[in-house]
């Protein structure tokens, strides 16, 4: 007879990342099936903080995506890197880092950009940086971290100003915020 403890079970292993991913999928599903314009109306940061809804959008924009392709591209990285980061920093710290990154990228957009901002790309780049420094210890900087920074910065700096409807500044700010939060946490 098989031991009851040997049965495989599903585990909600990264609750912040999985819940966030589901929220993104739900928002896009609502936008594409029930309420066209939902994401534009409720989950896109604009260039003002005049209305109470604008303050919600500072956080909420990370759940809005322009298309299934945009969502899918971010989802792959969220699900690949998010559990590594959440395991290292814990769910509460990961949530706080996601929210701080959302607000910082949102505020940068409000004060310095002239277009809307939506999507989890800033969070993805935060996770890329955090995952690459997850093993920073004893005053050592992994060469992989330096390689990620060079590739990441190079790609994004080359694309800044491109007319491609992508917030490359949002990516850079997300990565910088993630790096700062990761090094701050690791130095504590």
C-alpha atoms as a PDB file:
ATOM      1  CA  UNK A   1       0.000   0.000   0.000  1.00  0.00           C
ATOM      2  CA  UNK A   2       1.344   3.431  -0.955  1.00  0.00           C
ATOM      3  CA  UNK A   3       2.281   5.803   1.806  1.00  0.00           C
ATOM      4  CA  UNK A   4      -0.112   8.771   2.035  1.00  0.00           C
ATOM      5  CA  UNK A   5       2.839  11.172   2.428  1.00  0.00           C
ATOM      6  CA  UNK A   6       4.391  10.085  -0.865  1.00  0.00           C
ATOM      7  CA  UNK A   7       1.560  11.476  -3.005  1.00  0.00           C
ATOM      8  CA  UNK A   8       2.405  14.437  -5.193  1.00  0.00           C
ATOM      9  CA  UNK A   9       0.585  17.611  -4.292  1.00  0.00           C
ATOM     10  CA  UNK A  10       0.343  20.966  -5.948  1.00  0.00           C
ATOM     11  CA  UNK A  11       1.884  23.807  -3.976  1.00  0.00           C
ATOM     12  CA  UNK A  12       1.100  27.507  -4.311  1.00  0.00           C
ATOM     13  CA  UNK A  13       4.843  28.061  -4.002  1.00  0.00           C
ATOM     14  CA  UNK A  14       5.157  31.785  -4.722  1.00  0.00           C
ATOM     15  CA  UNK A  15       1.905  33.381  -3.525  1.00  0.00           C
ATOM     16  CA  UNK A  16       2.816  36.976  -4.400  1.00  0.00           C
ATOM     17  CA  UNK A  17       3.988  36.154  -7.929  1.00  0.00           C
ATOM     18  CA  UNK A  18       1.202  33.667  -8.655  1.00  0.00           C
ATOM     19  CA  UNK A  19      -1.528  35.981  -7.318  1.00  0.00           C
ATOM     20  CA  UNK A  20      -0.071  38.911  -9.238  1.00  0.00           C
ATOM     21  CA  UNK A  21       0.064  36.816 -12.423  1.00  0.00           C
ATOM     22  CA  UNK A  22      -3.569  35.789 -11.968  1.00  0.00           C
ATOM     23  CA  UNK A  23      -4.577  39.428 -11.376  1.00  0.00           C
ATOM     24  CA  UNK A  24      -2.843  40.422 -14.624  1.00  0.00           C
ATOM     25  CA  UNK A  25      -4.622  37.642 -16.523  1.00  0.00           C
ATOM     26  CA  UNK A  26      -7.981  38.583 -15.003  1.00  0.00           C
ATOM     27  CA  UNK A  27      -7.537  42.266 -15.890  1.00  0.00           C
ATOM     28  CA  UNK A  28      -6.721  41.409 -19.502  1.00  0.00           C
ATOM     29  CA  UNK A  29      -9.588  38.918 -19.705  1.00  0.00           C
ATOM     30  CA  UNK A  30     -12.010  41.585 -18.443  1.00  0.00           C
ATOM     31  CA  UNK A  31     -10.606  44.101 -20.920  1.00  0.00           C
ATOM     32  CA  UNK A  32     -10.852  41.733 -23.889  1.00  0.00           C
ATOM     33  CA  UNK A  33     -14.249  40.135 -23.126  1.00  0.00           C
ATOM     34  CA  UNK A  34     -16.459  42.121 -20.755  1.00  0.00           C
ATOM     35  CA  UNK A  35     -15.349  45.745 -20.605  1.00  0.00           C
ATOM     36  CA  UNK A  36     -13.275  47.010 -23.531  1.00  0.00           C
ATOM     37  CA  UNK A  37     -11.202  49.883 -22.223  1.00  0.00           C
ATOM     38  CA  UNK A  38     -11.002  48.544 -18.647  1.00  0.00           C
ATOM     39  CA  UNK A  39      -7.205  48.586 -18.628  1.00  0.00           C
ATOM     40  CA  UNK A  40      -6.992  52.005 -20.249  1.00  0.00           C
ATOM     41  CA  UNK A  41      -9.520  53.430 -17.782  1.00  0.00           C
ATOM     42  CA  UNK A  42      -8.349  51.830 -14.536  1.00  0.00           C
ATOM     43  CA  UNK A  43      -4.836  50.424 -14.996  1.00  0.00           C
ATOM     44  CA  UNK A  44      -2.885  52.967 -17.036  1.00  0.00           C
ATOM     45  CA  UNK A  45      -0.804  55.657 -15.351  1.00  0.00           C
ATOM     46  CA  UNK A  46      -1.246  59.006 -17.017  1.00  0.00           C
ATOM     47  CA  UNK A  47       0.546  62.293 -16.519  1.00  0.00           C
ATOM     48  CA  UNK A  48      -1.460  63.594 -13.573  1.00  0.00           C
ATOM     49  CA  UNK A  49      -2.335  62.814  -9.974  1.00  0.00           C
ATOM     50  CA  UNK A  50      -5.418  65.043  -9.923  1.00  0.00           C
ATOM     51  CA  UNK A  51      -8.043  62.328  -9.359  1.00  0.00           C
ATOM     52  CA  UNK A  52      -8.188  59.713  -6.579  1.00  0.00           C
ATOM     53  CA  UNK A  53      -8.149  57.011  -9.281  1.00  0.00           C
ATOM     54  CA  UNK A  54      -4.771  58.335 -10.460  1.00  0.00           C
ATOM     55  CA  UNK A  55      -3.298  57.336  -7.087  1.00  0.00           C
ATOM     56  CA  UNK A  56      -4.632  53.785  -7.469  1.00  0.00           C
ATOM     57  CA  UNK A  57      -3.093  53.603 -10.940  1.00  0.00           C
ATOM     58  CA  UNK A  58       0.367  54.206  -9.441  1.00  0.00           C
ATOM     59  CA  UNK A  59       0.074  50.643  -8.117  1.00  0.00           C
ATOM     60  CA  UNK A  60      -2.474  49.151 -10.508  1.00  0.00           C
ATOM     61  CA  UNK A  61      -0.666  49.868 -13.778  1.00  0.00           C
ATOM     62  CA  UNK A  62       1.558  46.838 -13.290  1.00  0.00           C
ATOM     63  CA  UNK A  63      -1.497  44.556 -13.719  1.00  0.00           C
ATOM     64  CA  UNK A  64      -2.576  46.048 -17.048  1.00  0.00           C
ATOM     65  CA  UNK A  65      -1.246  44.797 -20.367  1.00  0.00           C
ATOM     66  CA  UNK A  66      -1.927  46.003 -23.888  1.00  0.00           C
ATOM     67  CA  UNK A  67      -2.367  42.543 -25.417  1.00  0.00           C
ATOM     68  CA  UNK A  68      -2.088  38.829 -24.756  1.00  0.00           C
ATOM     69  CA  UNK A  69       1.391  38.901 -26.325  1.00  0.00           C
ATOM     70  CA  UNK A  70       2.502  41.679 -23.981  1.00  0.00           C
ATOM     71  CA  UNK A  71       1.094  39.740 -21.019  1.00  0.00           C
ATOM     72  CA  UNK A  72       2.591  36.438 -22.150  1.00  0.00           C
ATOM     73  CA  UNK A  73       6.067  37.951 -22.524  1.00  0.00           C
ATOM     74  CA  UNK A  74       5.962  39.338 -18.995  1.00  0.00           C
ATOM     75  CA  UNK A  75       4.304  36.225 -17.556  1.00  0.00           C
ATOM     76  CA  UNK A  76       7.147  33.963 -18.657  1.00  0.00           C
ATOM     77  CA  UNK A  77       9.692  36.063 -16.779  1.00  0.00           C
ATOM     78  CA  UNK A  78       7.415  36.546 -13.766  1.00  0.00           C
ATOM     79  CA  UNK A  79       6.942  32.799 -13.377  1.00  0.00           C
ATOM     80  CA  UNK A  80      10.586  31.997 -14.060  1.00  0.00           C
ATOM     81  CA  UNK A  81      12.242  34.600 -11.836  1.00  0.00           C
ATOM     82  CA  UNK A  82       9.536  35.466  -9.317  1.00  0.00           C
ATOM     83  CA  UNK A  83       9.678  32.228  -7.296  1.00  0.00           C
ATOM     84  CA  UNK A  84      13.479  32.514  -6.979  1.00  0.00           C
ATOM     85  CA  UNK A  85      13.167  36.040  -5.643  1.00  0.00           C
ATOM     86  CA  UNK A  86      10.187  35.242  -3.424  1.00  0.00           C
ATOM     87  CA  UNK A  87      11.991  32.251  -1.912  1.00  0.00           C
ATOM     88  CA  UNK A  88      15.077  34.378  -1.187  1.00  0.00           C
ATOM     89  CA  UNK A  89      13.387  37.500   0.163  1.00  0.00           C
ATOM     90  CA  UNK A  90      10.083  36.080   1.419  1.00  0.00           C
ATOM     91  CA  UNK A  91       6.569  36.904   0.296  1.00  0.00           C
ATOM     92  CA  UNK A  92       6.114  40.076   2.328  1.00  0.00           C
ATOM     93  CA  UNK A  93       9.411  41.636   1.191  1.00  0.00           C
ATOM     94  CA  UNK A  94       8.726  40.605  -2.399  1.00  0.00           C
ATOM     95  CA  UNK A  95       5.297  42.254  -2.258  1.00  0.00           C
ATOM     96  CA  UNK A  96       6.792  45.421  -0.770  1.00  0.00           C
ATOM     97  CA  UNK A  97       9.481  45.508  -3.478  1.00  0.00           C
ATOM     98  CA  UNK A  98       6.852  45.032  -6.201  1.00  0.00           C
ATOM     99  CA  UNK A  99       4.733  47.861  -4.776  1.00  0.00           C
ATOM    100  CA  UNK A 100       7.692  50.212  -4.321  1.00  0.00           C
ATOM    101  CA  UNK A 101       8.823  49.539  -7.894  1.00  0.00           C
ATOM    102  CA  UNK A 102       5.280  50.128  -9.171  1.00  0.00           C
ATOM    103  CA  UNK A 103       5.012  53.475  -7.393  1.00  0.00           C
ATOM    104  CA  UNK A 104       8.498  54.640  -8.393  1.00  0.00           C
ATOM    105  CA  UNK A 105       7.951  53.808 -12.078  1.00  0.00           C
ATOM    106  CA  UNK A 106       4.468  55.329 -11.928  1.00  0.00           C
ATOM    107  CA  UNK A 107       5.719  58.570 -10.378  1.00  0.00           C
ATOM    108  CA  UNK A 108       8.564  58.831 -12.898  1.00  0.00           C
ATOM    109  CA  UNK A 109       5.975  58.483 -15.646  1.00  0.00           C
ATOM    110  CA  UNK A 110       3.645  61.094 -14.121  1.00  0.00           C
ATOM    111  CA  UNK A 111       6.341  63.690 -13.611  1.00  0.00           C
ATOM    112  CA  UNK A 112       8.689  63.113 -16.548  1.00  0.00           C
ATOM    113  CA  UNK A 113       6.851  61.355 -19.372  1.00  0.00           C
ATOM    114  CA  UNK A 114       4.107  62.462 -21.715  1.00  0.00           C
ATOM    115  CA  UNK A 115       2.499  59.073 -22.354  1.00  0.00           C
ATOM    116  CA  UNK A 116       0.625  56.399 -20.452  1.00  0.00           C
ATOM    117  CA  UNK A 117       2.290  53.517 -18.646  1.00  0.00           C
ATOM    118  CA  UNK A 118       1.005  49.994 -18.114  1.00  0.00           C
ATOM    119  CA  UNK A 119       2.357  46.499 -17.731  1.00  0.00           C
ATOM    120  CA  UNK A 120       4.632  44.455 -15.525  1.00  0.00           C
ATOM    121  CA  UNK A 121       7.852  45.079 -17.456  1.00  0.00           C
ATOM    122  CA  UNK A 122       9.312  47.241 -14.690  1.00  0.00           C
ATOM    123  CA  UNK A 123       8.559  44.431 -12.230  1.00  0.00           C
ATOM    124  CA  UNK A 124      10.121  41.896 -14.607  1.00  0.00           C
ATOM    125  CA  UNK A 125      13.329  43.918 -14.794  1.00  0.00           C
ATOM    126  CA  UNK A 126      13.282  44.323 -11.015  1.00  0.00           C
ATOM    127  CA  UNK A 127      13.084  40.512 -10.773  1.00  0.00           C
ATOM    128  CA  UNK A 128      15.894  40.081 -13.323  1.00  0.00           C
ATOM    129  CA  UNK A 129      18.198  42.235 -11.197  1.00  0.00           C
ATOM    130  CA  UNK A 130      17.082  40.670  -7.898  1.00  0.00           C
ATOM    131  CA  UNK A 131      17.509  37.130  -9.241  1.00  0.00           C
ATOM    132  CA  UNK A 132      20.994  37.945 -10.484  1.00  0.00           C
ATOM    133  CA  UNK A 133      22.090  39.230  -7.045  1.00  0.00           C
ATOM    134  CA  UNK A 134      20.266  36.613  -4.989  1.00  0.00           C
ATOM    135  CA  UNK A 135      23.586  35.064  -3.921  1.00  0.00           C
ATOM    136  CA  UNK A 136      25.524  38.260  -3.197  1.00  0.00           C
ATOM    137  CA  UNK A 137      27.406  37.556   0.010  1.00  0.00           C
ATOM    138  CA  UNK A 138      30.669  38.397   1.744  1.00  0.00           C
ATOM    139  CA  UNK A 139      31.370  41.502  -0.272  1.00  0.00           C
ATOM    140  CA  UNK A 140      31.436  39.547  -3.529  1.00  0.00           C
ATOM    141  CA  UNK A 141      29.645  40.636  -6.693  1.00  0.00           C
ATOM    142  CA  UNK A 142      28.809  37.800  -9.089  1.00  0.00           C
ATOM    143  CA  UNK A 143      30.120  38.217 -12.627  1.00  0.00           C
ATOM    144  CA  UNK A 144      26.672  37.129 -13.831  1.00  0.00           C
ATOM    145  CA  UNK A 145      25.230  40.229 -12.156  1.00  0.00           C
ATOM    146  CA  UNK A 146      27.679  42.455 -14.018  1.00  0.00           C
ATOM    147  CA  UNK A 147      26.866  40.683 -17.297  1.00  0.00           C
ATOM    148  CA  UNK A 148      23.114  41.117 -16.714  1.00  0.00           C
ATOM    149  CA  UNK A 149      23.591  44.813 -15.947  1.00  0.00           C
ATOM    150  CA  UNK A 150      25.675  45.378 -19.071  1.00  0.00           C
ATOM    151  CA  UNK A 151      23.236  43.512 -21.327  1.00  0.00           C
ATOM    152  CA  UNK A 152      20.161  45.008 -19.678  1.00  0.00           C
ATOM    153  CA  UNK A 153      21.419  48.591 -19.648  1.00  0.00           C
ATOM    154  CA  UNK A 154      22.856  48.318 -23.132  1.00  0.00           C
ATOM    155  CA  UNK A 155      19.644  47.011 -24.653  1.00  0.00           C
ATOM    156  CA  UNK A 156      17.411  49.494 -22.871  1.00  0.00           C
ATOM    157  CA  UNK A 157      19.639  52.526 -23.438  1.00  0.00           C
ATOM    158  CA  UNK A 158      19.798  51.733 -27.152  1.00  0.00           C
ATOM    159  CA  UNK A 159      16.007  51.619 -27.289  1.00  0.00           C
ATOM    160  CA  UNK A 160      15.243  54.759 -25.260  1.00  0.00           C
ATOM    161  CA  UNK A 161      13.419  57.162 -27.521  1.00  0.00           C
ATOM    162  CA  UNK A 162      12.385  54.462 -29.991  1.00  0.00           C
ATOM    163  CA  UNK A 163       8.856  54.837 -31.290  1.00  0.00           C
ATOM    164  CA  UNK A 164       7.777  51.336 -30.220  1.00  0.00           C
ATOM    165  CA  UNK A 165       5.147  52.025 -27.514  1.00  0.00           C
ATOM    166  CA  UNK A 166       7.465  50.507 -24.890  1.00  0.00           C
ATOM    167  CA  UNK A 167       8.512  52.393 -21.781  1.00  0.00           C
ATOM    168  CA  UNK A 168      12.225  51.700 -21.804  1.00  0.00           C
ATOM    169  CA  UNK A 169      12.642  54.249 -19.026  1.00  0.00           C
ATOM    170  CA  UNK A 170      10.134  52.183 -17.025  1.00  0.00           C
ATOM    171  CA  UNK A 171      12.325  49.122 -17.541  1.00  0.00           C
ATOM    172  CA  UNK A 172      15.432  51.008 -16.439  1.00  0.00           C
ATOM    173  CA  UNK A 173      13.683  52.445 -13.381  1.00  0.00           C
ATOM    174  CA  UNK A 174      12.294  49.015 -12.464  1.00  0.00           C
ATOM    175  CA  UNK A 175      15.725  47.432 -12.744  1.00  0.00           C
ATOM    176  CA  UNK A 176      17.405  50.233 -10.804  1.00  0.00           C
ATOM    177  CA  UNK A 177      14.765  50.052  -8.076  1.00  0.00           C
ATOM    178  CA  UNK A 178      15.148  46.274  -7.852  1.00  0.00           C
ATOM    179  CA  UNK A 179      18.917  46.554  -7.652  1.00  0.00           C
ATOM    180  CA  UNK A 180      18.754  49.223  -4.961  1.00  0.00           C
ATOM    181  CA  UNK A 181      16.229  47.258  -2.911  1.00  0.00           C
ATOM    182  CA  UNK A 182      18.204  44.031  -3.300  1.00  0.00           C
ATOM    183  CA  UNK A 183      21.503  45.555  -2.237  1.00  0.00           C
ATOM    184  CA  UNK A 184      19.797  47.405   0.624  1.00  0.00           C
ATOM    185  CA  UNK A 185      18.229  44.165   1.845  1.00  0.00           C
ATOM    186  CA  UNK A 186      21.440  42.171   1.426  1.00  0.00           C
ATOM    187  CA  UNK A 187      23.436  44.778   3.358  1.00  0.00           C
ATOM    188  CA  UNK A 188      20.993  44.618   6.259  1.00  0.00           C
END
